[in-house]
Amino acid sequence: MRCLALPLIFVLAVSACTTTNPVEQITRSTAKTVILPVVQQRLPGPQAEAVTVCILDNASTDEILLLAKDVGTRAGTRTVQTIATILQRPGTVQCVLGAGIPGVSL
């Protein structure tokens, strides 16, 4: 039994070292479906997509989880406020400007 456990532990340890966590990817993808329609109210397609990526990249894990919970519903005041807060962060502002998009606010 011990001989079987060691390879399993090794596989689990190696898989934990990868940077692509499937759960995180799914959660980010879900949060993106919540953020994008809010941003699209202010910007056209490609620009909205770029700003959405900037917002996701600068959101905390808790914020991404919070936004992902709103999937399938119309964005409410709390959701819009969370997105606006992330959008105002210096890292997000730099990302948006780096994408060639002038100042954006919600």
N, C-alpha and C. Protein backbone atom coordinates (compact mmCIF):
# COMPACT_ATOMS: atom_id res chain seq x y z
N MET A 1 0.82 -1.20 0.00
CA MET A 1 0.00 0.00 0.00
C MET A 1 0.87 1.26 0.00
N ARG A 2 1.96 1.19 0.76
CA ARG A 2 2.85 2.34 0.83
C ARG A 2 3.47 2.64 -0.53
N CYS A 3 3.76 1.59 -1.29
CA CYS A 3 4.34 1.77 -2.62
C CYS A 3 3.38 2.49 -3.56
N LEU A 4 2.10 2.31 -3.37
CA LEU A 4 1.11 3.00 -4.20
C LEU A 4 0.93 4.45 -3.77
N ALA A 5 1.09 4.72 -2.50
CA ALA A 5 0.87 6.06 -1.98
C ALA A 5 1.94 7.04 -2.43
N LEU A 6 3.19 6.60 -2.49
CA LEU A 6 4.27 7.51 -2.86
C LEU A 6 4.12 8.08 -4.27
N PRO A 7 3.84 7.26 -5.28
CA PRO A 7 3.64 7.85 -6.61
C PRO A 7 2.44 8.81 -6.65
N LEU A 8 1.39 8.48 -5.92
CA LEU A 8 0.22 9.36 -5.89
C LEU A 8 0.57 10.69 -5.26
N ILE A 9 1.31 10.66 -4.17
CA ILE A 9 1.73 11.90 -3.51
C ILE A 9 2.60 12.72 -4.45
N PHE A 10 3.49 12.06 -5.17
CA PHE A 10 4.35 12.76 -6.12
C PHE A 10 3.53 13.45 -7.21
N VAL A 11 2.57 12.73 -7.77
CA VAL A 11 1.71 13.29 -8.82
C VAL A 11 0.93 14.49 -8.29
N LEU A 12 0.38 14.36 -7.11
CA LEU A 12 -0.37 15.47 -6.52
C LEU A 12 0.53 16.66 -6.25
N ALA A 13 1.73 16.41 -5.77
CA ALA A 13 2.67 17.50 -5.49
C ALA A 13 3.06 18.22 -6.77
N VAL A 14 3.34 17.48 -7.82
CA VAL A 14 3.72 18.08 -9.09
C VAL A 14 2.55 18.85 -9.69
N SER A 15 1.36 18.30 -9.62
CA SER A 15 0.20 18.99 -10.19
C SER A 15 -0.12 20.25 -9.41
N ALA A 16 0.20 20.29 -8.14
CA ALA A 16 -0.04 21.50 -7.34
C ALA A 16 0.92 22.61 -7.72
N CYS A 17 2.02 22.29 -8.38
CA CYS A 17 3.01 23.29 -8.76
C CYS A 17 2.66 23.99 -10.07
N THR A 18 1.72 23.49 -10.80
CA THR A 18 1.38 24.12 -12.07
C THR A 18 0.66 25.43 -11.81
N THR A 19 0.81 26.35 -12.74
CA THR A 19 0.21 27.67 -12.59
C THR A 19 -1.20 27.73 -13.14
N THR A 20 -1.64 26.72 -13.81
CA THR A 20 -2.98 26.73 -14.39
C THR A 20 -3.91 25.88 -13.55
N ASN A 21 -4.54 26.50 -12.61
CA ASN A 21 -5.50 25.83 -11.74
C ASN A 21 -6.85 25.82 -12.45
N PRO A 22 -7.39 24.66 -12.77
CA PRO A 22 -8.65 24.60 -13.52
C PRO A 22 -9.81 25.28 -12.81
N VAL A 23 -9.87 25.17 -11.50
CA VAL A 23 -10.95 25.82 -10.75
C VAL A 23 -10.83 27.34 -10.86
N GLU A 24 -9.60 27.83 -10.75
CA GLU A 24 -9.38 29.27 -10.88
C GLU A 24 -9.74 29.74 -12.28
N GLN A 25 -9.36 28.97 -13.28
CA GLN A 25 -9.68 29.34 -14.67
C GLN A 25 -11.19 29.40 -14.89
N ILE A 26 -11.92 28.44 -14.36
CA ILE A 26 -13.37 28.42 -14.53
C ILE A 26 -14.00 29.60 -13.79
N THR A 27 -13.51 29.88 -12.59
CA THR A 27 -14.06 30.99 -11.82
C THR A 27 -13.79 32.32 -12.52
N ARG A 28 -12.58 32.50 -13.04
CA ARG A 28 -12.25 33.73 -13.77
C ARG A 28 -13.11 33.86 -15.03
N SER A 29 -13.30 32.75 -15.73
CA SER A 29 -14.12 32.76 -16.93
C SER A 29 -15.57 33.13 -16.60
N THR A 30 -16.06 32.59 -15.50
CA THR A 30 -17.42 32.91 -15.07
C THR A 30 -17.53 34.37 -14.67
N ALA A 31 -16.56 34.87 -13.92
CA ALA A 31 -16.57 36.28 -13.52
C ALA A 31 -16.51 37.18 -14.76
N LYS A 32 -15.78 36.75 -15.76
CA LYS A 32 -15.68 37.53 -17.00
C LYS A 32 -17.05 37.72 -17.65
N THR A 33 -17.90 36.68 -17.59
CA THR A 33 -19.24 36.79 -18.18
C THR A 33 -20.12 37.75 -17.40
N VAL A 34 -19.74 38.06 -16.18
CA VAL A 34 -20.47 39.03 -15.37
C VAL A 34 -19.92 40.44 -15.63
N ILE A 35 -18.60 40.56 -15.72
CA ILE A 35 -17.96 41.87 -15.88
C ILE A 35 -18.19 42.44 -17.27
N LEU A 36 -18.02 41.63 -18.29
CA LEU A 36 -18.06 42.12 -19.68
C LEU A 36 -19.34 42.89 -20.02
N PRO A 37 -20.53 42.40 -19.70
CA PRO A 37 -21.73 43.18 -20.04
C PRO A 37 -21.79 44.54 -19.35
N VAL A 38 -21.24 44.63 -18.15
CA VAL A 38 -21.21 45.91 -17.44
C VAL A 38 -20.29 46.88 -18.18
N VAL A 39 -19.13 46.41 -18.57
CA VAL A 39 -18.16 47.26 -19.28
C VAL A 39 -18.69 47.61 -20.68
N GLN A 40 -19.40 46.68 -21.32
CA GLN A 40 -19.94 46.93 -22.66
C GLN A 40 -20.98 48.04 -22.67
N GLN A 41 -21.52 48.38 -21.54
CA GLN A 41 -22.46 49.50 -21.48
C GLN A 41 -21.75 50.83 -21.74
N ARG A 42 -20.42 50.85 -21.58
CA ARG A 42 -19.63 52.07 -21.77
C ARG A 42 -18.70 52.02 -22.97
N LEU A 43 -18.30 50.81 -23.37
CA LEU A 43 -17.29 50.67 -24.42
C LEU A 43 -17.71 49.64 -25.46
N PRO A 44 -17.24 49.80 -26.72
CA PRO A 44 -17.53 48.81 -27.75
C PRO A 44 -16.71 47.53 -27.55
N GLY A 45 -17.05 46.50 -28.29
CA GLY A 45 -16.50 45.15 -28.21
C GLY A 45 -15.05 44.96 -27.81
N PRO A 46 -14.08 45.25 -28.71
CA PRO A 46 -12.68 44.96 -28.39
C PRO A 46 -12.17 45.75 -27.18
N GLN A 47 -12.61 46.98 -27.06
CA GLN A 47 -12.19 47.79 -25.91
C GLN A 47 -12.78 47.22 -24.61
N ALA A 48 -14.02 46.83 -24.66
CA ALA A 48 -14.67 46.25 -23.47
C ALA A 48 -13.96 44.96 -23.06
N GLU A 49 -13.58 44.18 -24.04
CA GLU A 49 -12.85 42.93 -23.77
C GLU A 49 -11.52 43.23 -23.07
N ALA A 50 -10.78 44.21 -23.58
CA ALA A 50 -9.48 44.56 -22.99
C ALA A 50 -9.63 45.07 -21.56
N VAL A 51 -10.62 45.92 -21.33
CA VAL A 51 -10.85 46.46 -19.99
C VAL A 51 -11.27 45.34 -19.04
N THR A 52 -12.09 44.43 -19.52
CA THR A 52 -12.52 43.30 -18.69
C THR A 52 -11.33 42.46 -18.24
N VAL A 53 -10.39 42.22 -19.14
CA VAL A 53 -9.18 41.47 -18.78
C VAL A 53 -8.38 42.23 -17.73
N CYS A 54 -8.27 43.54 -17.89
CA CYS A 54 -7.55 44.36 -16.90
C CYS A 54 -8.22 44.27 -15.53
N ILE A 55 -9.53 44.32 -15.52
CA ILE A 55 -10.27 44.22 -14.26
C ILE A 55 -10.02 42.86 -13.61
N LEU A 56 -10.12 41.81 -14.38
CA LEU A 56 -9.88 40.46 -13.85
C LEU A 56 -8.46 40.31 -13.31
N ASP A 57 -7.50 40.86 -14.04
CA ASP A 57 -6.10 40.73 -13.63
C ASP A 57 -5.78 41.50 -12.35
N ASN A 58 -6.60 42.48 -12.01
CA ASN A 58 -6.35 43.30 -10.83
C ASN A 58 -7.34 43.05 -9.70
N ALA A 59 -8.22 42.10 -9.89
CA ALA A 59 -9.19 41.74 -8.84
C ALA A 59 -8.57 40.73 -7.88
N SER A 60 -8.98 40.81 -6.64
CA SER A 60 -8.54 39.81 -5.66
C SER A 60 -9.31 38.51 -5.89
N THR A 61 -8.84 37.46 -5.30
CA THR A 61 -9.53 36.18 -5.41
C THR A 61 -10.95 36.29 -4.85
N ASP A 62 -11.09 36.97 -3.72
CA ASP A 62 -12.42 37.14 -3.12
C ASP A 62 -13.35 37.91 -4.06
N GLU A 63 -12.82 38.94 -4.72
CA GLU A 63 -13.65 39.72 -5.64
C GLU A 63 -14.06 38.88 -6.85
N ILE A 64 -13.15 38.08 -7.35
CA ILE A 64 -13.48 37.21 -8.49
C ILE A 64 -14.56 36.23 -8.10
N LEU A 65 -14.44 35.65 -6.92
CA LEU A 65 -15.48 34.72 -6.44
C LEU A 65 -16.81 35.44 -6.28
N LEU A 66 -16.78 36.64 -5.73
CA LEU A 66 -18.00 37.43 -5.53
C LEU A 66 -18.67 37.73 -6.87
N LEU A 67 -17.88 38.14 -7.85
CA LEU A 67 -18.43 38.45 -9.18
C LEU A 67 -18.95 37.19 -9.87
N ALA A 68 -18.24 36.09 -9.73
CA ALA A 68 -18.66 34.84 -10.37
C ALA A 68 -20.01 34.36 -9.83
N LYS A 69 -20.31 34.69 -8.59
CA LYS A 69 -21.59 34.29 -7.99
C LYS A 69 -22.78 34.94 -8.70
N ASP A 70 -22.54 36.05 -9.38
CA ASP A 70 -23.63 36.77 -10.04
C ASP A 70 -23.89 36.29 -11.46
N VAL A 71 -23.31 35.18 -11.85
CA VAL A 71 -23.51 34.67 -13.20
C VAL A 71 -24.99 34.36 -13.42
N GLY A 72 -25.47 34.69 -14.60
CA GLY A 72 -26.85 34.38 -14.96
C GLY A 72 -27.87 35.38 -14.45
N THR A 73 -27.41 36.43 -13.78
CA THR A 73 -28.33 37.46 -13.31
C THR A 73 -27.87 38.81 -13.83
N ARG A 74 -28.77 39.74 -13.85
CA ARG A 74 -28.42 41.10 -14.25
C ARG A 74 -27.56 41.72 -13.16
N ALA A 75 -26.52 42.42 -13.55
CA ALA A 75 -25.60 43.02 -12.59
C ALA A 75 -26.33 44.06 -11.74
N GLY A 76 -26.26 43.88 -10.46
CA GLY A 76 -26.89 44.81 -9.53
C GLY A 76 -25.91 45.87 -9.07
N THR A 77 -26.36 46.69 -8.15
CA THR A 77 -25.56 47.80 -7.63
C THR A 77 -24.25 47.31 -7.03
N ARG A 78 -24.30 46.24 -6.25
CA ARG A 78 -23.09 45.72 -5.60
C ARG A 78 -22.08 45.24 -6.63
N THR A 79 -22.55 44.57 -7.66
CA THR A 79 -21.66 44.07 -8.70
C THR A 79 -20.99 45.22 -9.44
N VAL A 80 -21.78 46.20 -9.83
CA VAL A 80 -21.25 47.36 -10.54
C VAL A 80 -20.25 48.10 -9.65
N GLN A 81 -20.55 48.23 -8.37
CA GLN A 81 -19.65 48.91 -7.45
C GLN A 81 -18.33 48.15 -7.30
N THR A 82 -18.40 46.84 -7.23
CA THR A 82 -17.18 46.02 -7.13
C THR A 82 -16.32 46.22 -8.37
N ILE A 83 -16.94 46.20 -9.53
CA ILE A 83 -16.21 46.40 -10.78
C ILE A 83 -15.60 47.80 -10.82
N ALA A 84 -16.38 48.81 -10.42
CA ALA A 84 -15.89 50.19 -10.41
C ALA A 84 -14.71 50.36 -9.46
N THR A 85 -14.77 49.71 -8.32
CA THR A 85 -13.67 49.79 -7.35
C THR A 85 -12.39 49.19 -7.93
N ILE A 86 -12.51 48.05 -8.56
CA ILE A 86 -11.34 47.41 -9.18
C ILE A 86 -10.80 48.29 -10.31
N LEU A 87 -11.69 48.88 -11.06
CA LEU A 87 -11.31 49.72 -12.20
C LEU A 87 -10.53 50.96 -11.77
N GLN A 88 -10.73 51.42 -10.55
CA GLN A 88 -10.06 52.63 -10.07
C GLN A 88 -8.66 52.36 -9.51
N ARG A 89 -8.30 51.12 -9.32
CA ARG A 89 -6.98 50.79 -8.77
C ARG A 89 -5.88 51.18 -9.74
N PRO A 90 -4.74 51.62 -9.19
CA PRO A 90 -3.63 52.04 -10.07
C PRO A 90 -3.21 50.97 -11.08
N GLY A 91 -3.15 49.72 -10.67
CA GLY A 91 -2.76 48.66 -11.60
C GLY A 91 -3.75 48.49 -12.75
N THR A 92 -5.02 48.64 -12.43
CA THR A 92 -6.06 48.52 -13.46
C THR A 92 -5.99 49.71 -14.40
N VAL A 93 -5.82 50.90 -13.84
CA VAL A 93 -5.72 52.12 -14.66
C VAL A 93 -4.54 51.99 -15.62
N GLN A 94 -3.39 51.55 -15.12
CA GLN A 94 -2.21 51.38 -15.97
C GLN A 94 -2.46 50.35 -17.07
N CYS A 95 -3.13 49.27 -16.72
CA CYS A 95 -3.45 48.22 -17.70
C CYS A 95 -4.35 48.78 -18.81
N VAL A 96 -5.37 49.52 -18.40
CA VAL A 96 -6.31 50.10 -19.37
C VAL A 96 -5.59 51.09 -20.28
N LEU A 97 -4.78 51.96 -19.69
CA LEU A 97 -4.02 52.93 -20.49
C LEU A 97 -3.03 52.21 -21.40
N GLY A 98 -2.42 51.14 -20.91
CA GLY A 98 -1.49 50.35 -21.71
C GLY A 98 -2.16 49.69 -22.90
N ALA A 99 -3.46 49.46 -22.78
CA ALA A 99 -4.23 48.88 -23.89
C ALA A 99 -4.66 49.95 -24.88
N GLY A 100 -4.26 51.21 -24.61
CA GLY A 100 -4.59 52.30 -25.52
C GLY A 100 -6.00 52.83 -25.37
N ILE A 101 -6.57 52.62 -24.19
CA ILE A 101 -7.94 53.08 -23.95
C ILE A 101 -7.88 54.23 -22.95
N PRO A 102 -8.44 55.39 -23.30
CA PRO A 102 -8.42 56.51 -22.36
C PRO A 102 -9.25 56.18 -21.12
N GLY A 103 -9.12 57.00 -20.11
CA GLY A 103 -9.81 56.77 -18.83
C GLY A 103 -11.23 56.27 -18.97
N VAL A 104 -11.54 55.25 -18.20
CA VAL A 104 -12.87 54.64 -18.22
C VAL A 104 -13.43 54.71 -16.81
N SER A 105 -14.70 55.02 -16.72
CA SER A 105 -15.38 54.96 -15.42
C SER A 105 -16.75 54.34 -15.63
N LEU A 106 -17.28 53.80 -14.56
CA LEU A 106 -18.60 53.18 -14.65
C LEU A 106 -19.63 54.04 -13.96
